[in-house]
Protein backbone atom coordinates (compact mmCIF):
# COMPACT_ATOMS: atom_id res chain seq x y z
CA MET A 1 99.87 100.45 163.84
CA LYS A 2 102.50 97.98 162.69
CA ILE A 3 100.03 95.12 163.04
CA TYR A 4 97.46 97.05 160.97
CA ASN A 5 100.01 97.72 158.23
CA LEU A 6 101.08 94.09 158.25
CA TRP A 7 97.44 93.04 157.99
CA GLN A 8 96.88 95.34 154.99
CA GLN A 9 99.85 93.79 153.21
CA LEU A 10 98.45 90.26 153.49
CA LYS A 11 96.71 88.65 150.56
CA VAL A 12 93.01 87.84 150.73
CA MET A 13 93.76 84.12 151.02
CA HIS A 14 96.06 84.70 154.01
CA LYS A 15 93.52 86.98 155.67
CA ASP A 16 90.82 84.32 155.33
CA ALA A 17 93.15 81.71 156.84
CA VAL A 18 93.87 83.93 159.83
CA LYS A 19 90.15 84.59 160.31
CA ALA A 20 89.38 80.86 160.21
CA VAL A 21 92.06 80.06 162.80
CA LEU A 22 90.79 82.81 165.10
CA LEU A 23 87.22 81.59 164.75
CA VAL A 24 88.18 78.02 165.64
CA PHE A 25 90.18 79.27 168.64
CA LEU A 26 87.22 81.35 169.89
CA VAL A 27 84.84 78.43 169.52
CA TYR A 28 87.29 76.24 171.46
CA LEU A 29 87.50 78.79 174.28
CA MET A 30 83.72 79.00 174.43
CA ALA A 31 83.44 75.21 174.56
CA LEU A 32 85.90 75.12 177.47
CA GLU A 33 83.97 77.82 179.26
CA ILE A 34 80.60 76.05 179.14
CA ASN A 35 81.91 72.44 179.27
CA LEU A 36 80.26 71.70 175.94
CA ALA A 37 80.97 67.96 175.87
CA GLU A 38 79.62 67.29 179.39
CA THR A 39 76.58 69.52 178.76
CA LEU A 40 75.70 67.71 175.55
CA ALA A 41 76.14 64.32 177.24
CA GLU A 42 73.73 65.28 180.00
CA LYS A 43 71.14 66.75 177.67
CA LEU A 44 71.21 63.81 175.25
CA GLU A 45 71.30 61.06 177.85
CA GLU A 46 67.53 60.64 177.83
CA TYR A 47 67.64 60.18 174.02
CA GLU A 48 70.21 57.38 174.10
CA SER A 49 67.97 55.18 171.94
CA PHE A 50 68.42 57.65 169.04
CA GLN A 51 72.23 57.67 169.44
CA LEU A 52 72.26 61.46 169.30
CA ASP A 53 75.55 61.56 171.14
CA GLU A 54 77.21 60.29 167.96
CA VAL A 55 76.05 63.31 165.94
CA PRO A 56 79.14 65.48 166.72
CA TYR A 57 81.43 62.78 165.33
CA LEU A 58 79.20 62.52 162.26
CA LEU A 59 79.44 66.27 161.75
CA LEU A 60 83.22 66.10 162.19
CA PHE A 61 83.63 63.46 159.49
CA THR A 62 81.19 65.36 157.27
CA ALA A 63 83.35 68.46 157.61
CA ILE A 64 86.46 66.42 156.76
CA ALA A 65 84.71 64.99 153.68
CA LEU A 66 83.67 68.49 152.57
CA VAL A 67 87.23 69.74 152.99
CA TRP A 68 88.51 66.86 150.85
CA PHE A 69 85.84 67.53 148.24
CA ALA A 70 86.69 71.26 148.14
CA TRP A 71 90.42 70.47 147.86
CA ARG A 72 89.76 68.17 144.88
CA ARG A 73 87.71 70.88 143.17
CA VAL A 74 90.47 73.44 143.76
CA VAL A 75 93.05 71.09 142.22
CA GLU A 76 90.82 70.51 139.19
CA GLN A 77 90.18 74.23 138.79
CA LYS A 78 93.90 74.91 138.96
CA LYS A 79 94.50 72.37 136.19
CA GLU A 80 91.74 73.91 134.09
CA ILE A 81 93.27 77.37 134.56
CA GLU A 82 96.68 76.07 133.51
CA GLN A 83 95.19 74.38 130.45
CA ARG A 84 93.26 77.52 129.54
CA PHE A 85 96.40 79.61 129.96
CA MET A 86 98.33 77.25 127.70
CA ALA A 87 95.51 77.33 125.16
CA GLU A 88 95.51 81.14 125.19
CA GLU A 89 99.28 81.19 124.67
CA LYS A 90 98.91 78.76 121.79
CA ASN A 91 96.12 80.84 120.27
CA ALA A 92 98.25 83.98 120.59
CA GLN A 93 101.15 82.21 118.88
CA LEU A 94 98.82 80.98 116.13
CA LEU A 95 97.51 84.52 115.63
CA ILE A 96 101.07 85.80 115.26
CA GLU A 97 101.89 83.04 112.78
CA ASN A 98 98.65 83.71 110.91
CA LYS A 99 99.48 87.42 110.66
CA LEU A 100 102.98 86.62 109.38
CA LEU A 101 101.51 84.19 106.86
CA THR A 102 99.01 86.83 105.71
CA GLN A 103 101.82 89.33 105.26
CA HIS A 104 103.78 86.78 103.22
CA ILE A 105 100.73 85.96 101.08
CA LEU A 106 100.10 89.63 100.39
CA LYS A 107 103.76 90.18 99.44
CA VAL A 108 103.66 87.17 97.11
CA GLN A 109 100.38 88.42 95.66
CA GLU A 110 101.82 91.85 94.95
CA PHE A 111 104.94 90.26 93.43
CA GLU A 112 102.83 88.07 91.13
CA ARG A 113 100.72 91.05 90.12
CA LEU A 114 103.88 92.98 89.30
CA GLU A 115 105.25 90.10 87.23
CA LEU A 116 101.93 89.76 85.41
CA ALA A 117 101.87 93.50 84.68
CA ARG A 118 105.41 93.30 83.31
CA ASP A 119 104.47 90.38 81.07
CA LEU A 120 101.44 92.28 79.79
CA HIS A 121 103.61 95.29 79.05
CA ASP A 122 106.52 93.42 77.50
CA ASP A 123 104.60 90.82 75.45
CA ILE A 124 100.98 91.76 74.80
CA GLY A 125 101.75 95.47 74.68
CA GLN A 126 104.47 95.02 72.07
CA TYR A 127 102.33 92.77 69.86
CA LEU A 128 99.33 95.12 70.09
CA LEU A 129 101.55 98.03 69.09
CA ALA A 130 102.86 96.01 66.11
CA ILE A 131 99.30 95.16 65.04
CA ARG A 132 98.31 98.83 65.18
CA LEU A 133 101.34 99.85 63.14
CA ASP A 134 100.61 97.20 60.48
CA ALA A 135 96.93 98.17 60.37
CA SER A 136 97.89 101.84 60.05
CA SER A 137 100.09 101.07 57.06
CA LEU A 138 97.20 99.22 55.39
CA THR A 139 94.80 102.16 55.80
CA VAL A 140 97.03 104.77 54.16
CA LYS A 141 95.41 104.34 50.73
CA GLU A 142 91.92 103.56 52.04
CA ASP A 143 89.55 106.30 53.17
CA SER A 144 86.57 104.11 54.07
CA ASP A 145 85.91 103.70 57.79
CA SER A 146 84.51 100.25 57.17
CA HIS A 147 87.74 98.90 55.76
CA PRO A 148 88.93 95.78 57.70
CA ALA A 149 92.27 97.39 58.42
CA ARG A 150 90.58 100.32 60.14
CA ARG A 151 88.44 97.94 62.21
CA ILE A 152 91.57 96.02 63.17
CA LEU A 153 93.23 99.30 64.16
CA SER A 154 90.22 100.32 66.28
CA ASN A 155 89.94 96.95 67.99
CA ALA A 156 93.67 96.80 68.70
CA GLY A 157 93.53 100.29 70.20
CA HIS A 158 90.61 99.27 72.42
CA ILE A 159 92.45 96.15 73.61
CA GLN A 160 95.59 98.20 74.24
CA ASN A 161 93.67 100.67 76.40
CA MET A 162 92.16 97.78 78.36
CA ALA A 163 95.62 96.27 78.81
CA LYS A 164 96.95 99.59 80.13
CA SER A 165 94.06 99.87 82.56
CA LEU A 166 94.65 96.30 83.70
CA MET A 167 98.36 96.96 84.17
CA ARG A 168 97.59 100.00 86.34
CA ARG A 169 95.29 97.86 88.49
CA LEU A 170 97.89 95.10 88.80
CA ARG A 171 100.80 97.45 89.43
CA PRO A 172 99.52 100.32 91.58
CA ALA A 173 100.96 103.79 91.39
CA PRO A 174 102.52 103.79 94.91
CA THR A 175 105.14 101.23 93.86
CA ASN A 176 106.67 103.83 91.57
CA SER A 177 105.80 107.05 93.42
CA LYS A 178 107.17 108.91 96.44
CA SER A 179 104.15 108.42 98.66
CA CYS A 180 100.71 106.91 98.93
CA VAL A 181 99.18 110.34 98.34
CA ASP A 182 100.20 110.20 94.67
CA GLY A 183 98.53 106.82 94.25
CA ILE A 184 95.33 108.01 95.93
CA HIS A 185 95.14 111.07 93.67
CA LEU A 186 95.67 108.93 90.57
CA MET A 187 93.05 106.38 91.60
CA VAL A 188 90.47 109.08 92.34
CA GLN A 189 91.16 110.68 88.95
CA GLU A 190 90.69 107.36 87.11
CA TRP A 191 87.58 106.50 89.14
CA ARG A 192 86.02 109.87 88.28
CA GLU A 193 86.54 109.09 84.61
CA ARG A 194 84.86 105.69 84.94
CA GLN A 195 82.04 106.97 87.21
CA PRO A 196 81.15 110.44 85.88
CA ASN A 197 77.75 110.42 87.62
CA VAL A 198 79.28 110.09 91.10
CA ASN A 199 80.58 113.14 92.94
CA VAL A 200 83.92 112.28 94.56
CA GLU A 201 85.43 114.53 97.21
CA LEU A 202 89.04 114.00 98.34
CA HIS A 203 90.37 115.52 101.57
CA ILE A 204 94.02 114.90 102.51
CA ASP A 205 95.41 116.32 105.73
CA GLU A 206 98.56 118.38 105.21
CA CYS A 207 100.26 116.55 108.06
CA ALA A 208 99.41 113.16 106.52
CA GLN A 209 100.87 114.25 103.19
CA PHE A 210 103.98 115.64 104.88
CA PHE A 211 104.48 112.45 106.89
CA SER A 212 103.99 110.27 103.81
CA GLU A 213 106.67 112.13 101.86
CA GLN A 214 109.13 112.14 104.80
CA THR A 215 108.59 108.42 105.44
CA ALA A 216 109.20 107.62 101.79
CA GLU A 217 112.55 109.39 101.97
CA ARG A 218 113.62 107.73 105.25
CA ASP A 219 112.23 104.21 104.83
CA LEU A 220 111.28 103.24 101.30
CA ALA A 221 110.22 99.68 102.23
CA ALA A 222 107.88 100.79 105.01
CA SER A 223 106.45 103.54 102.84
CA GLU A 224 105.78 101.13 99.98
CA GLN A 225 104.09 98.62 102.30
CA VAL A 226 101.80 101.27 103.79
CA SER A 227 101.13 102.78 100.36
CA ILE A 228 100.16 99.49 98.77
CA THR A 229 97.98 98.56 101.75
CA LEU A 230 96.06 101.85 101.62
CA TYR A 231 95.89 101.74 97.83
CA ARG A 232 94.41 98.21 97.78
CA PHE A 233 92.05 99.13 100.61
CA MET A 234 90.68 102.13 98.73
CA GLN A 235 90.58 100.14 95.49
CA GLU A 236 88.37 97.49 97.10
CA ALA A 237 86.19 100.14 98.79
CA LEU A 238 85.59 102.00 95.52
CA THR A 239 84.95 98.73 93.68
CA ASN A 240 82.27 97.79 96.23
CA ILE A 241 80.69 101.23 95.88
CA ALA A 242 80.60 100.94 92.08
CA LYS A 243 79.07 97.46 92.20
CA HIS A 244 76.60 97.63 95.07
CA ALA A 245 76.17 101.06 96.66
CA GLN A 246 74.26 103.00 93.96
CA ALA A 247 75.84 106.08 95.52
CA LYS A 248 75.72 109.65 94.22
CA LYS A 249 78.47 111.01 96.45
CA VAL A 250 81.71 109.54 97.81
CA THR A 251 83.95 111.27 100.35
CA ILE A 252 87.56 110.12 100.84
CA SER A 253 89.66 111.43 103.74
CA LEU A 254 93.29 110.79 104.69
CA ASN A 255 94.32 112.09 108.11
CA LEU A 256 97.04 111.66 110.71
CA VAL A 257 95.44 111.17 114.14
CA ASN A 258 96.87 110.79 117.63
CA GLY A 259 97.03 107.51 119.50
CA THR A 260 95.40 106.96 122.86
CA SER A 261 98.27 105.78 125.08
CA ASP A 262 101.67 106.38 123.45
CA SER A 263 102.47 109.94 122.44
CA ASP A 264 104.86 108.72 119.72
CA LEU A 265 102.25 106.44 118.16
CA GLN A 266 100.11 108.00 115.44
CA TYR A 267 97.56 106.53 113.07
CA LEU A 268 97.36 107.12 109.35
CA CYS A 269 93.59 107.03 108.87
CA LEU A 270 91.96 106.50 105.46
CA GLU A 271 88.17 106.81 105.45
CA VAL A 272 85.79 106.17 102.52
CA GLU A 273 82.15 107.21 102.94
CA ASP A 274 79.26 106.94 100.49
CA ASP A 275 75.56 107.83 100.51
CA GLY A 276 74.36 104.60 98.89
CA ILE A 277 71.87 101.95 99.99
CA GLY A 278 74.05 100.64 102.82
CA MET A 279 74.71 97.05 103.86
CA THR A 280 72.99 94.50 106.04
CA ALA A 281 74.61 93.04 109.17
CA PRO A 282 75.62 89.73 107.46
CA GLU A 283 77.24 91.66 104.61
CA VAL A 284 79.16 93.84 107.06
CA SER A 285 80.49 90.84 109.00
CA SER A 286 81.07 88.22 106.30
CA GLY A 287 81.22 89.90 102.88
CA MET A 288 84.27 88.76 100.94
CA GLY A 289 85.28 92.31 100.07
CA ILE A 290 85.00 93.34 103.73
CA VAL A 291 86.94 90.25 104.84
CA GLY A 292 89.69 91.00 102.32
CA MET A 293 90.04 94.60 103.49
CA ARG A 294 90.08 93.51 107.14
CA GLU A 295 92.79 90.88 106.53
CA ARG A 296 94.94 93.34 104.59
CA ILE A 297 94.72 96.01 107.32
CA ASN A 298 95.30 93.47 110.12
CA ALA A 299 98.45 92.27 108.33
CA VAL A 300 100.09 95.66 109.00
CA ASN A 301 98.84 95.77 112.62
CA GLY A 302 96.13 98.22 111.64
CA GLU A 303 92.53 98.60 112.71
CA PHE A 304 89.61 98.13 110.31
CA LEU A 305 86.25 99.79 111.02
CA VAL A 306 83.01 99.58 109.06
CA HIS A 307 79.69 101.21 109.83
CA SER A 308 76.46 100.92 107.85
CA ASN A 309 73.46 103.16 108.27
CA SER A 310 71.05 101.71 105.73
CA PRO A 311 69.79 103.45 103.66
CA GLN A 312 72.26 106.25 104.38
CA GLY A 313 75.39 104.61 103.08
CA VAL A 314 78.50 102.95 104.45
CA VAL A 315 81.68 104.23 106.10
CA VAL A 316 84.84 102.11 105.96
CA CYS A 317 87.98 103.22 107.75
CA ALA A 318 91.55 101.90 107.90
CA LYS A 319 93.81 103.03 110.76
CA ILE A 320 97.46 102.04 110.36
CA PRO A 321 99.83 102.72 113.29
CA ILE A 322 103.00 104.63 112.53
CA HIS A 323 105.79 106.05 114.69
CA ILE A 324 106.88 109.65 114.29
CA THR A 325 110.59 109.85 115.10
CA CYS A 326 111.53 112.80 112.94
CA ALA A 327 111.59 116.16 114.75
CA SER A 328 110.24 117.97 111.70
CA CYS A 329 107.32 115.53 111.58
CA LEU A 330 106.51 116.26 115.21
CA LEU A 331 106.74 119.98 114.57
CA ALA A 332 104.47 119.75 111.57
CA HIS A 333 101.98 117.62 113.46
CA SER A 334 101.85 120.04 116.40
CA SER A 335 101.43 123.03 114.10
CA VAL A 336 98.54 121.35 112.25
CA ASP A 337 96.82 120.51 115.56
């Protein structure tokens, strides 16, 4: 029993070595039993002209050569495995550096957008307001709608509205709100105004809204990062729908879903679905809008999913991992489930 247990503990390589030694020993015992060398010498004596008695030595040296050849291949394979392992480690390190660089680029991009929005508000906004005030003072005594002052007032108002819309796009609502839910509601409201012919349905899980508000109170930086990521993701998704989908209905869902392995790991899942014309395989894999959304989600260790069922529309989904450490969050999540 002890021998059997010891045998089961051996590695496959050690088992094969033991088997080979036992086989050689058995062959040696058999050769001793039948006097193999003398028997071969007697049998091959009549064929001395063919030098058949030298064949065993030839086979011996052939076996030695094969062993040397196999050893050389094993050494080369070991080196290749080491090189491949080093290459995989280097690739993993490059992926980490690339993700950090992407995060830095996105932060710089958001900072530049914020600065540009401030400049638009502080400079262009002030001058447009001054132009409207001056034009208003010129139209006090004029009742004609075709008066140049009234046209200036109308054009300045139009430019001011465009500047406000541009500032909202550059500086998203989540940067000034408690949670990403506020930004999503505001974006959907504005998109409905710009696309009145498209039916937009918004479904937000109560647990997701609760978690978003609690996270904003406990960790403002993390909440803002997640909020901006989801906001930009949905902004790009809705822009693609407006440009290419020709959709009549758009469904937006925000849910908090369980992870697969870690009980403390949850996913904040934002899904945008339309009933448009769909996308082809090259567009799904290499479209610039899709690539931008994928890079933005990957930068926060999230998972990006896209599915096209042409001509039945497209579904894009962003799953961002979050950790629930608050007891009230866990209680709310369990009660919703």
